[in-house]
């Protein structure tokens, strides 16, 4: 799919596609952390930390890619893609019975929204043009 085709997609469709890319990135991070955990002495010692790192990096990635893939309304597209990914993460947490309290879930959602905004800001910046 070329970049021009992404510009023709509606805002929500492009954000959903970017959230799918974010889910794939999160899956790759989870596989990488699972490989690292299996090489450790106690594989279950830091699984919660690995999950939180994967969540944060995938939110940052989703905001960045959502803003970078399209030409118009870059920041909005990055934020919307991150919101879709955050909604999927929260729904998955409730569906699979997350062990955390409401306060922990609210803090993680706030951190995810902040990282998504940071990624959208980084992705929305226009590249500087060189003067000749």
N, C-alpha and C. Protein backbone atom coordinates (compact mmCIF):
# COMPACT_ATOMS: atom_id res chain seq x y z
N UNK A 1 0.85 -1.17 0.00
CA UNK A 1 0.00 0.00 0.00
C UNK A 1 0.90 1.24 0.00
N UNK A 2 0.70 2.10 -0.96
CA UNK A 2 1.55 3.27 -1.05
C UNK A 2 1.05 4.38 -0.12
N UNK A 3 1.91 5.37 0.06
CA UNK A 3 1.55 6.47 0.94
C UNK A 3 0.39 7.28 0.37
N UNK A 4 0.29 7.35 -0.94
CA UNK A 4 -0.81 8.10 -1.55
C UNK A 4 -2.15 7.42 -1.28
N UNK A 5 -2.15 6.10 -1.22
CA UNK A 5 -3.39 5.38 -0.92
C UNK A 5 -3.82 5.64 0.52
N UNK A 6 -2.86 5.78 1.44
CA UNK A 6 -3.19 6.06 2.83
C UNK A 6 -3.81 7.44 2.98
N UNK A 7 -3.38 8.39 2.17
CA UNK A 7 -3.96 9.73 2.22
C UNK A 7 -5.40 9.74 1.76
N UNK A 8 -5.80 8.79 0.92
CA UNK A 8 -7.17 8.73 0.43
C UNK A 8 -8.12 8.05 1.41
N UNK A 9 -7.56 7.30 2.37
CA UNK A 9 -8.41 6.62 3.35
C UNK A 9 -9.06 7.63 4.28
N UNK A 10 -10.25 7.31 4.76
CA UNK A 10 -10.86 8.18 5.79
C UNK A 10 -10.01 8.18 7.06
N UNK A 11 -10.23 9.18 7.88
CA UNK A 11 -9.44 9.37 9.09
C UNK A 11 -9.49 8.14 10.00
N UNK A 12 -10.68 7.60 10.21
CA UNK A 12 -10.81 6.46 11.12
C UNK A 12 -10.19 5.19 10.54
N UNK A 13 -10.30 4.99 9.23
CA UNK A 13 -9.72 3.79 8.62
C UNK A 13 -8.20 3.83 8.68
N UNK A 14 -7.62 4.99 8.42
CA UNK A 14 -6.16 5.11 8.51
C UNK A 14 -5.68 4.93 9.95
N UNK A 15 -6.45 5.44 10.90
CA UNK A 15 -6.08 5.27 12.32
C UNK A 15 -6.20 3.81 12.74
N UNK A 16 -7.22 3.12 12.26
CA UNK A 16 -7.38 1.70 12.60
C UNK A 16 -6.26 0.87 12.00
N UNK A 17 -5.85 1.20 10.78
CA UNK A 17 -4.74 0.50 10.14
C UNK A 17 -3.44 0.75 10.90
N UNK A 18 -3.23 1.96 11.35
CA UNK A 18 -2.04 2.28 12.13
C UNK A 18 -2.08 1.58 13.48
N UNK A 19 -3.24 1.47 14.09
CA UNK A 19 -3.36 0.73 15.35
C UNK A 19 -3.04 -0.75 15.14
N UNK A 20 -3.40 -1.29 13.99
CA UNK A 20 -3.04 -2.67 13.68
C UNK A 20 -1.52 -2.81 13.57
N UNK A 21 -0.86 -1.83 12.95
CA UNK A 21 0.61 -1.83 12.91
C UNK A 21 1.18 -1.77 14.33
N UNK A 22 0.55 -0.98 15.18
CA UNK A 22 0.98 -0.88 16.57
C UNK A 22 0.82 -2.20 17.31
N UNK A 23 -0.26 -2.93 17.02
CA UNK A 23 -0.46 -4.25 17.63
C UNK A 23 0.61 -5.23 17.17
N UNK A 24 0.95 -5.19 15.89
CA UNK A 24 2.02 -6.06 15.40
C UNK A 24 3.36 -5.72 16.04
N UNK A 25 3.62 -4.44 16.21
CA UNK A 25 4.85 -4.01 16.87
C UNK A 25 4.87 -4.49 18.32
N UNK A 26 3.74 -4.40 19.00
CA UNK A 26 3.65 -4.87 20.39
C UNK A 26 3.87 -6.38 20.46
N UNK A 27 3.33 -7.12 19.49
CA UNK A 27 3.54 -8.56 19.45
C UNK A 27 5.01 -8.89 19.27
N UNK A 28 5.69 -8.18 18.39
CA UNK A 28 7.13 -8.40 18.21
C UNK A 28 7.91 -8.08 19.47
N UNK A 29 7.53 -7.01 20.15
CA UNK A 29 8.20 -6.68 21.41
C UNK A 29 7.97 -7.75 22.47
N UNK A 30 6.75 -8.27 22.53
CA UNK A 30 6.44 -9.34 23.50
C UNK A 30 7.25 -10.59 23.20
N UNK A 31 7.40 -10.93 21.93
CA UNK A 31 8.22 -12.08 21.57
C UNK A 31 9.69 -11.87 21.95
N UNK A 32 10.18 -10.66 21.73
CA UNK A 32 11.55 -10.33 22.09
C UNK A 32 11.75 -10.41 23.60
N UNK A 33 10.81 -9.88 24.36
CA UNK A 33 10.92 -9.95 25.82
C UNK A 33 10.74 -11.37 26.33
N UNK A 34 9.92 -12.17 25.66
CA UNK A 34 9.77 -13.58 26.06
C UNK A 34 11.08 -14.34 25.84
N UNK A 35 11.75 -14.04 24.75
CA UNK A 35 13.05 -14.66 24.50
C UNK A 35 14.07 -14.24 25.55
N UNK A 36 14.05 -12.96 25.93
CA UNK A 36 14.97 -12.47 26.96
C UNK A 36 14.63 -13.08 28.32
N UNK A 37 13.36 -13.24 28.62
CA UNK A 37 12.96 -13.82 29.90
C UNK A 37 13.32 -15.29 29.98
N UNK A 38 13.21 -16.00 28.86
CA UNK A 38 13.53 -17.43 28.89
C UNK A 38 15.02 -17.67 29.09
N UNK A 39 15.85 -16.70 28.75
CA UNK A 39 17.28 -16.84 28.95
C UNK A 39 17.70 -16.49 30.37
N UNK A 40 16.81 -15.90 31.16
CA UNK A 40 17.15 -15.50 32.53
C UNK A 40 17.02 -16.68 33.49
N UNK A 41 17.56 -16.50 34.69
CA UNK A 41 17.47 -17.54 35.72
C UNK A 41 16.04 -17.78 36.16
N UNK A 42 15.33 -16.70 36.47
CA UNK A 42 13.92 -16.78 36.86
C UNK A 42 13.09 -16.11 35.77
N UNK A 43 12.50 -16.88 34.87
CA UNK A 43 11.80 -16.29 33.73
C UNK A 43 10.58 -15.43 34.11
N UNK A 44 9.99 -15.65 35.25
CA UNK A 44 8.78 -14.92 35.62
C UNK A 44 9.04 -13.72 36.51
N UNK A 45 10.30 -13.38 36.73
CA UNK A 45 10.62 -12.33 37.70
C UNK A 45 10.16 -10.94 37.25
N UNK A 46 10.31 -10.62 36.00
CA UNK A 46 10.06 -9.24 35.54
C UNK A 46 9.02 -9.17 34.41
N UNK A 47 8.10 -10.08 34.37
CA UNK A 47 7.14 -10.11 33.26
C UNK A 47 6.24 -8.88 33.24
N UNK A 48 5.83 -8.39 34.39
CA UNK A 48 4.98 -7.20 34.44
C UNK A 48 5.73 -5.98 33.90
N UNK A 49 6.99 -5.87 34.26
CA UNK A 49 7.81 -4.76 33.76
C UNK A 49 7.97 -4.85 32.24
N UNK A 50 8.21 -6.06 31.73
CA UNK A 50 8.33 -6.24 30.29
C UNK A 50 7.05 -5.84 29.57
N UNK A 51 5.92 -6.21 30.14
CA UNK A 51 4.64 -5.85 29.53
C UNK A 51 4.40 -4.35 29.51
N UNK A 52 4.77 -3.68 30.59
CA UNK A 52 4.59 -2.23 30.65
C UNK A 52 5.52 -1.51 29.67
N UNK A 53 6.75 -2.03 29.52
CA UNK A 53 7.67 -1.44 28.54
C UNK A 53 7.15 -1.65 27.13
N UNK A 54 6.65 -2.84 26.83
CA UNK A 54 6.10 -3.12 25.50
C UNK A 54 4.89 -2.23 25.22
N UNK A 55 4.05 -2.04 26.23
CA UNK A 55 2.88 -1.17 26.08
C UNK A 55 3.30 0.27 25.78
N UNK A 56 4.25 0.78 26.54
CA UNK A 56 4.70 2.16 26.34
C UNK A 56 5.34 2.37 24.98
N UNK A 57 6.22 1.45 24.58
CA UNK A 57 6.87 1.59 23.28
C UNK A 57 5.89 1.45 22.13
N UNK A 58 4.91 0.57 22.27
CA UNK A 58 3.93 0.43 21.19
C UNK A 58 3.03 1.66 21.09
N UNK A 59 2.71 2.31 22.22
CA UNK A 59 1.93 3.55 22.16
C UNK A 59 2.74 4.66 21.49
N UNK A 60 4.01 4.76 21.84
CA UNK A 60 4.88 5.76 21.22
C UNK A 60 5.00 5.50 19.72
N UNK A 61 5.19 4.25 19.34
CA UNK A 61 5.30 3.87 17.94
C UNK A 61 4.02 4.17 17.18
N UNK A 62 2.89 3.85 17.78
CA UNK A 62 1.60 4.05 17.11
C UNK A 62 1.34 5.54 16.87
N UNK A 63 1.61 6.38 17.85
CA UNK A 63 1.43 7.81 17.67
C UNK A 63 2.36 8.37 16.60
N UNK A 64 3.60 7.89 16.59
CA UNK A 64 4.58 8.36 15.61
C UNK A 64 4.19 7.94 14.20
N UNK A 65 3.90 6.66 14.02
CA UNK A 65 3.57 6.15 12.69
C UNK A 65 2.25 6.73 12.19
N UNK A 66 1.28 6.89 13.09
CA UNK A 66 0.01 7.48 12.68
C UNK A 66 0.17 8.90 12.17
N UNK A 67 1.07 9.65 12.77
CA UNK A 67 1.31 11.02 12.32
C UNK A 67 2.18 11.07 11.07
N UNK A 68 3.07 10.11 10.92
CA UNK A 68 4.02 10.14 9.82
C UNK A 68 3.45 9.61 8.51
N UNK A 69 2.49 8.71 8.57
CA UNK A 69 2.01 8.06 7.35
C UNK A 69 1.19 8.96 6.44
N UNK A 70 0.53 9.95 6.97
CA UNK A 70 -0.37 10.77 6.15
C UNK A 70 0.13 12.21 6.09
N UNK A 71 -0.30 12.91 5.06
CA UNK A 71 0.16 14.28 4.87
C UNK A 71 -0.64 15.29 5.68
N UNK A 72 -1.95 15.23 5.60
CA UNK A 72 -2.77 16.23 6.27
C UNK A 72 -3.18 15.79 7.66
N UNK A 73 -3.36 16.75 8.53
CA UNK A 73 -3.83 16.52 9.90
C UNK A 73 -2.97 15.47 10.61
N UNK A 74 -1.68 15.63 10.58
CA UNK A 74 -0.76 14.63 11.10
C UNK A 74 -0.96 14.37 12.59
N UNK A 75 -1.00 15.42 13.38
CA UNK A 75 -1.11 15.24 14.83
C UNK A 75 -2.41 14.54 15.21
N UNK A 76 -3.51 14.96 14.57
CA UNK A 76 -4.80 14.35 14.84
C UNK A 76 -4.81 12.87 14.49
N UNK A 77 -4.21 12.52 13.36
CA UNK A 77 -4.15 11.11 12.96
C UNK A 77 -3.31 10.29 13.92
N UNK A 78 -2.23 10.85 14.42
CA UNK A 78 -1.40 10.14 15.40
C UNK A 78 -2.13 9.92 16.71
N UNK A 79 -2.83 10.94 17.17
CA UNK A 79 -3.60 10.82 18.41
C UNK A 79 -4.73 9.81 18.26
N UNK A 80 -5.43 9.84 17.14
CA UNK A 80 -6.55 8.92 16.94
C UNK A 80 -6.06 7.47 16.83
N UNK A 81 -4.93 7.26 16.17
CA UNK A 81 -4.37 5.90 16.09
C UNK A 81 -3.98 5.40 17.47
N UNK A 82 -3.37 6.26 18.28
CA UNK A 82 -3.03 5.87 19.64
C UNK A 82 -4.26 5.62 20.49
N UNK A 83 -5.32 6.39 20.27
CA UNK A 83 -6.56 6.18 21.02
C UNK A 83 -7.17 4.82 20.67
N UNK A 84 -7.11 4.42 19.40
CA UNK A 84 -7.60 3.10 19.02
C UNK A 84 -6.80 2.01 19.71
N UNK A 85 -5.48 2.16 19.72
CA UNK A 85 -4.63 1.15 20.35
C UNK A 85 -4.86 1.11 21.86
N UNK A 86 -5.05 2.26 22.47
CA UNK A 86 -5.32 2.32 23.90
C UNK A 86 -6.67 1.67 24.22
N UNK A 87 -7.65 1.90 23.37
CA UNK A 87 -8.95 1.27 23.55
C UNK A 87 -8.85 -0.25 23.44
N UNK A 88 -8.05 -0.73 22.48
CA UNK A 88 -7.84 -2.17 22.35
C UNK A 88 -7.14 -2.74 23.58
N UNK A 89 -6.16 -2.03 24.11
CA UNK A 89 -5.43 -2.50 25.29
C UNK A 89 -6.32 -2.56 26.52
N UNK A 90 -7.14 -1.54 26.71
CA UNK A 90 -8.05 -1.52 27.86
C UNK A 90 -9.11 -2.61 27.72
N UNK A 91 -9.65 -2.78 26.52
CA UNK A 91 -10.64 -3.83 26.30
C UNK A 91 -10.03 -5.21 26.52
N UNK A 92 -8.81 -5.41 26.06
CA UNK A 92 -8.12 -6.68 26.30
C UNK A 92 -7.85 -6.92 27.77
N UNK A 93 -7.52 -5.87 28.49
CA UNK A 93 -7.27 -5.99 29.92
C UNK A 93 -8.54 -6.41 30.66
N UNK A 94 -9.66 -5.81 30.31
CA UNK A 94 -10.92 -6.19 30.95
C UNK A 94 -11.38 -7.57 30.50
N UNK A 95 -11.15 -7.92 29.24
CA UNK A 95 -11.60 -9.21 28.73
C UNK A 95 -10.84 -10.37 29.35
N UNK A 96 -9.55 -10.18 29.56
CA UNK A 96 -8.73 -11.26 30.11
C UNK A 96 -8.53 -11.15 31.61
N UNK A 97 -9.24 -10.25 32.25
CA UNK A 97 -9.21 -10.16 33.71
C UNK A 97 -7.89 -9.69 34.26
N UNK A 98 -7.53 -8.47 33.96
CA UNK A 98 -6.29 -7.91 34.48
C UNK A 98 -6.27 -7.90 36.00
N UNK A 99 -5.10 -8.10 36.58
CA UNK A 99 -4.97 -8.21 38.03
C UNK A 99 -4.85 -6.86 38.72
N UNK A 100 -4.64 -5.80 37.99
CA UNK A 100 -4.39 -4.51 38.59
C UNK A 100 -5.65 -3.84 39.13
N UNK A 101 -5.43 -2.91 40.03
CA UNK A 101 -6.54 -2.13 40.55
C UNK A 101 -6.93 -1.06 39.55
N UNK A 102 -8.03 -0.39 39.83
CA UNK A 102 -8.49 0.67 38.93
C UNK A 102 -7.47 1.80 38.86
N UNK A 103 -6.82 2.11 39.98
CA UNK A 103 -5.84 3.19 40.01
C UNK A 103 -4.64 2.85 39.11
N UNK A 104 -4.18 1.60 39.15
CA UNK A 104 -3.05 1.20 38.31
C UNK A 104 -3.42 1.26 36.84
N UNK A 105 -4.62 0.82 36.50
CA UNK A 105 -5.07 0.86 35.11
C UNK A 105 -5.19 2.31 34.64
N UNK A 106 -5.70 3.19 35.51
CA UNK A 106 -5.83 4.61 35.14
C UNK A 106 -4.46 5.25 34.94
N UNK A 107 -3.49 4.90 35.78
CA UNK A 107 -2.14 5.45 35.62
C UNK A 107 -1.51 4.96 34.33
N UNK A 108 -1.65 3.65 34.04
CA UNK A 108 -1.09 3.12 32.80
C UNK A 108 -1.75 3.72 31.57
N UNK A 109 -3.06 3.97 31.63
CA UNK A 109 -3.76 4.62 30.51
C UNK A 109 -3.26 6.06 30.33
N UNK A 110 -3.02 6.75 31.43
CA UNK A 110 -2.51 8.12 31.34
C UNK A 110 -1.11 8.14 30.75
N UNK A 111 -0.28 7.20 31.18
CA UNK A 111 1.07 7.12 30.63
C UNK A 111 1.01 6.77 29.14
N UNK A 112 0.12 5.85 28.76
CA UNK A 112 -0.04 5.50 27.35
C UNK A 112 -0.51 6.67 26.51
N UNK A 113 -1.44 7.45 27.03
CA UNK A 113 -1.93 8.63 26.30
C UNK A 113 -0.82 9.67 26.16
N UNK A 114 -0.03 9.84 27.22
CA UNK A 114 1.08 10.79 27.17
C UNK A 114 2.12 10.36 26.14
N UNK A 115 2.47 9.07 26.12
CA UNK A 115 3.46 8.57 25.15
C UNK A 115 2.92 8.65 23.73
N UNK A 116 1.63 8.42 23.57
CA UNK A 116 1.02 8.55 22.24
C UNK A 116 1.09 9.99 21.74
N UNK A 117 0.81 10.93 22.64
CA UNK A 117 0.92 12.35 22.28
C UNK A 117 2.35 12.72 21.92
N UNK A 118 3.30 12.20 22.68
CA UNK A 118 4.71 12.45 22.37
C UNK A 118 5.11 11.90 21.02
N UNK A 119 4.66 10.68 20.71
CA UNK A 119 4.94 10.10 19.41
C UNK A 119 4.27 10.88 18.28
N UNK A 120 3.05 11.35 18.52
CA UNK A 120 2.34 12.14 17.49
C UNK A 120 3.04 13.48 17.26
N UNK A 121 3.55 14.08 18.33
CA UNK A 121 4.29 15.34 18.17
C UNK A 121 5.56 15.11 17.37
N UNK A 122 6.29 14.04 17.69
CA UNK A 122 7.52 13.73 16.95
C UNK A 122 7.23 13.41 15.50
N UNK A 123 6.14 12.70 15.24
CA UNK A 123 5.79 12.34 13.88
C UNK A 123 5.22 13.49 13.07
N UNK A 124 4.61 14.46 13.73
CA UNK A 124 3.98 15.57 13.03
C UNK A 124 4.97 16.66 12.64
N UNK A 125 6.17 16.63 13.21
CA UNK A 125 7.15 17.65 12.86
C UNK A 125 7.53 17.54 11.40
N UNK A 126 7.55 18.67 10.75
CA UNK A 126 7.96 18.71 9.35
C UNK A 126 9.49 18.63 9.28
N UNK A 127 10.01 17.87 8.34
CA UNK A 127 11.46 17.81 8.22
C UNK A 127 12.02 19.16 7.74
N UNK A 128 13.18 19.51 8.27
CA UNK A 128 13.80 20.77 7.86
C UNK A 128 14.35 20.61 6.45
N UNK A 129 14.18 21.66 5.68
CA UNK A 129 14.68 21.63 4.31
C UNK A 129 16.04 22.29 4.26
N UNK A 130 16.91 21.65 3.51
CA UNK A 130 18.27 22.16 3.41
C UNK A 130 18.30 23.33 2.43
N UNK A 131 19.08 24.32 2.79
CA UNK A 131 19.28 25.47 1.88
C UNK A 131 20.50 25.19 1.03
N UNK A 132 20.39 25.56 -0.20
CA UNK A 132 21.52 25.35 -1.12
C UNK A 132 22.15 26.66 -1.46
